[in-house]
């Protein structure tokens, strides 16, 4: 019992473990990557079907748009391994859901 309790605290304190993946071979073709330098970077990965953005984006404002967000990222590569934190209605219709990796979501909008 002594070992179990700290483990539970650790899991609840830090949430889900990060998704770890090699992003060096990701196919960026057909995607536009935008960055706007602010206090933290505003990041967008856009395709003809929609876009994945960082936490600056409010998906509730994405009416009739395929839009999803990831949080706590500073680069486009980090967006691939981050988990989706919010989705628009149109993104959900494409099968994008909270908790999937950014790379999985990006493949659905390519």
C-alpha atoms as a PDB file:
ATOM      1  CA  UNK A   1       0.000   0.000   0.000  1.00  0.00           C
ATOM      2  CA  UNK A   2       2.895   2.366   0.623  1.00  0.00           C
ATOM      3  CA  UNK A   3       3.972   2.235  -3.050  1.00  0.00           C
ATOM      4  CA  UNK A   4       0.473   2.521  -4.498  1.00  0.00           C
ATOM      5  CA  UNK A   5      -0.459   5.836  -2.883  1.00  0.00           C
ATOM      6  CA  UNK A   6       2.500   7.878  -4.277  1.00  0.00           C
ATOM      7  CA  UNK A   7       1.866   6.390  -7.714  1.00  0.00           C
ATOM      8  CA  UNK A   8      -1.768   7.563  -7.633  1.00  0.00           C
ATOM      9  CA  UNK A   9      -0.682  11.030  -6.548  1.00  0.00           C
ATOM     10  CA  UNK A  10       1.876  11.149  -9.354  1.00  0.00           C
ATOM     11  CA  UNK A  11      -0.684  10.152 -11.986  1.00  0.00           C
ATOM     12  CA  UNK A  12      -3.230  12.706 -10.808  1.00  0.00           C
ATOM     13  CA  UNK A  13      -0.611  15.430 -10.414  1.00  0.00           C
ATOM     14  CA  UNK A  14       0.882  15.145 -13.869  1.00  0.00           C
ATOM     15  CA  UNK A  15      -1.980  13.790 -15.984  1.00  0.00           C
ATOM     16  CA  UNK A  16      -1.435  11.486 -18.928  1.00  0.00           C
ATOM     17  CA  UNK A  17       2.101  10.714 -19.990  1.00  0.00           C
ATOM     18  CA  UNK A  18       3.210  12.512 -23.159  1.00  0.00           C
ATOM     19  CA  UNK A  19       3.009  10.707 -26.466  1.00  0.00           C
ATOM     20  CA  UNK A  20       6.530   9.924 -27.568  1.00  0.00           C
ATOM     21  CA  UNK A  21       7.220   9.513 -31.271  1.00  0.00           C
ATOM     22  CA  UNK A  22       9.968  10.112 -33.782  1.00  0.00           C
ATOM     23  CA  UNK A  23       8.850  13.144 -35.794  1.00  0.00           C
ATOM     24  CA  UNK A  24      11.857  13.305 -38.119  1.00  0.00           C
ATOM     25  CA  UNK A  25      10.151  11.360 -40.900  1.00  0.00           C
ATOM     26  CA  UNK A  26       6.741  13.082 -40.750  1.00  0.00           C
ATOM     27  CA  UNK A  27       5.415  13.951 -44.227  1.00  0.00           C
ATOM     28  CA  UNK A  28       4.741  17.688 -44.187  1.00  0.00           C
ATOM     29  CA  UNK A  29       3.715  17.788 -47.875  1.00  0.00           C
ATOM     30  CA  UNK A  30       0.446  19.581 -48.561  1.00  0.00           C
ATOM     31  CA  UNK A  31       0.614  21.415 -45.235  1.00  0.00           C
ATOM     32  CA  UNK A  32       1.352  25.058 -44.488  1.00  0.00           C
ATOM     33  CA  UNK A  33       3.105  25.803 -41.199  1.00  0.00           C
ATOM     34  CA  UNK A  34       2.702  29.267 -39.751  1.00  0.00           C
ATOM     35  CA  UNK A  35       4.293  30.808 -36.683  1.00  0.00           C
ATOM     36  CA  UNK A  36       3.627  34.210 -35.153  1.00  0.00           C
ATOM     37  CA  UNK A  37       6.107  35.247 -32.486  1.00  0.00           C
ATOM     38  CA  UNK A  38       4.340  36.395 -29.339  1.00  0.00           C
ATOM     39  CA  UNK A  39       5.145  35.749 -25.667  1.00  0.00           C
ATOM     40  CA  UNK A  40       4.670  32.100 -26.603  1.00  0.00           C
ATOM     41  CA  UNK A  41       4.518  31.264 -30.308  1.00  0.00           C
ATOM     42  CA  UNK A  42       1.157  31.123 -32.060  1.00  0.00           C
ATOM     43  CA  UNK A  43       1.409  27.962 -34.193  1.00  0.00           C
ATOM     44  CA  UNK A  44      -0.823  26.769 -37.036  1.00  0.00           C
ATOM     45  CA  UNK A  45      -0.609  23.718 -39.285  1.00  0.00           C
ATOM     46  CA  UNK A  46      -3.043  24.232 -42.169  1.00  0.00           C
ATOM     47  CA  UNK A  47      -4.323  22.055 -44.975  1.00  0.00           C
ATOM     48  CA  UNK A  48      -7.077  22.590 -47.538  1.00  0.00           C
ATOM     49  CA  UNK A  49      -9.481  20.734 -45.172  1.00  0.00           C
ATOM     50  CA  UNK A  50      -8.752  22.672 -41.964  1.00  0.00           C
ATOM     51  CA  UNK A  51      -6.124  23.398 -39.361  1.00  0.00           C
ATOM     52  CA  UNK A  52      -4.556  22.381 -36.076  1.00  0.00           C
ATOM     53  CA  UNK A  53      -3.479  25.237 -33.826  1.00  0.00           C
ATOM     54  CA  UNK A  54      -1.905  25.867 -30.466  1.00  0.00           C
ATOM     55  CA  UNK A  55      -3.736  26.884 -27.305  1.00  0.00           C
ATOM     56  CA  UNK A  56      -4.216  30.470 -28.504  1.00  0.00           C
ATOM     57  CA  UNK A  57      -7.015  29.205 -30.783  1.00  0.00           C
ATOM     58  CA  UNK A  58     -10.598  29.080 -29.523  1.00  0.00           C
ATOM     59  CA  UNK A  59     -12.331  26.185 -31.318  1.00  0.00           C
ATOM     60  CA  UNK A  60     -15.745  27.538 -30.310  1.00  0.00           C
ATOM     61  CA  UNK A  61     -15.082  30.391 -32.740  1.00  0.00           C
ATOM     62  CA  UNK A  62     -14.416  27.898 -35.573  1.00  0.00           C
ATOM     63  CA  UNK A  63     -17.917  27.782 -37.037  1.00  0.00           C
ATOM     64  CA  UNK A  64     -18.102  25.574 -40.147  1.00  0.00           C
ATOM     65  CA  UNK A  65     -14.328  25.015 -39.880  1.00  0.00           C
ATOM     66  CA  UNK A  66     -12.279  21.895 -39.224  1.00  0.00           C
ATOM     67  CA  UNK A  67     -10.208  23.063 -36.288  1.00  0.00           C
ATOM     68  CA  UNK A  68      -8.443  21.360 -33.388  1.00  0.00           C
ATOM     69  CA  UNK A  69      -5.925  22.500 -30.804  1.00  0.00           C
ATOM     70  CA  UNK A  70      -2.993  21.188 -28.832  1.00  0.00           C
ATOM     71  CA  UNK A  71      -1.569  22.881 -25.741  1.00  0.00           C
ATOM     72  CA  UNK A  72       1.833  23.651 -24.275  1.00  0.00           C
ATOM     73  CA  UNK A  73       3.792  23.490 -27.528  1.00  0.00           C
ATOM     74  CA  UNK A  74       6.530  25.741 -28.864  1.00  0.00           C
ATOM     75  CA  UNK A  75       7.280  24.155 -32.252  1.00  0.00           C
ATOM     76  CA  UNK A  76       5.430  22.450 -35.081  1.00  0.00           C
ATOM     77  CA  UNK A  77       7.270  19.203 -34.291  1.00  0.00           C
ATOM     78  CA  UNK A  78       5.977  19.346 -30.714  1.00  0.00           C
ATOM     79  CA  UNK A  79       2.454  19.668 -32.135  1.00  0.00           C
ATOM     80  CA  UNK A  80       2.834  16.197 -33.661  1.00  0.00           C
ATOM     81  CA  UNK A  81       3.391  14.501 -30.311  1.00  0.00           C
ATOM     82  CA  UNK A  82       1.035  16.668 -28.238  1.00  0.00           C
ATOM     83  CA  UNK A  83      -2.493  15.443 -27.594  1.00  0.00           C
ATOM     84  CA  UNK A  84      -5.526  17.167 -29.046  1.00  0.00           C
ATOM     85  CA  UNK A  85      -7.147  19.261 -26.319  1.00  0.00           C
ATOM     86  CA  UNK A  86     -10.183  20.705 -28.145  1.00  0.00           C
ATOM     87  CA  UNK A  87     -12.034  20.118 -31.426  1.00  0.00           C
ATOM     88  CA  UNK A  88     -14.637  21.945 -33.478  1.00  0.00           C
ATOM     89  CA  UNK A  89     -17.850  20.219 -34.538  1.00  0.00           C
ATOM     90  CA  UNK A  90     -16.560  19.827 -38.098  1.00  0.00           C
ATOM     91  CA  UNK A  91     -13.281  18.322 -36.839  1.00  0.00           C
ATOM     92  CA  UNK A  92     -15.236  15.786 -34.792  1.00  0.00           C
ATOM     93  CA  UNK A  93     -17.145  14.805 -37.945  1.00  0.00           C
ATOM     94  CA  UNK A  94     -13.777  13.908 -39.543  1.00  0.00           C
ATOM     95  CA  UNK A  95     -12.964  11.650 -36.589  1.00  0.00           C
ATOM     96  CA  UNK A  96     -10.638  14.014 -34.763  1.00  0.00           C
ATOM     97  CA  UNK A  97     -11.126  13.721 -31.014  1.00  0.00           C
ATOM     98  CA  UNK A  98      -9.678  14.938 -27.746  1.00  0.00           C
ATOM     99  CA  UNK A  99      -6.775  12.766 -26.642  1.00  0.00           C
ATOM    100  CA  UNK A 100      -5.512  11.681 -30.080  1.00  0.00           C
ATOM    101  CA  UNK A 101      -2.046  12.786 -31.117  1.00  0.00           C
ATOM    102  CA  UNK A 102      -1.541  15.887 -33.197  1.00  0.00           C
ATOM    103  CA  UNK A 103       0.042  13.724 -35.918  1.00  0.00           C
ATOM    104  CA  UNK A 104      -3.086  11.545 -36.117  1.00  0.00           C
ATOM    105  CA  UNK A 105      -5.294  14.626 -36.370  1.00  0.00           C
ATOM    106  CA  UNK A 106      -3.093  16.175 -39.050  1.00  0.00           C
ATOM    107  CA  UNK A 107      -3.285  12.990 -41.137  1.00  0.00           C
ATOM    108  CA  UNK A 108      -7.091  13.270 -41.021  1.00  0.00           C
ATOM    109  CA  UNK A 109      -7.034  16.792 -42.466  1.00  0.00           C
ATOM    110  CA  UNK A 110      -4.485  16.084 -45.208  1.00  0.00           C
END
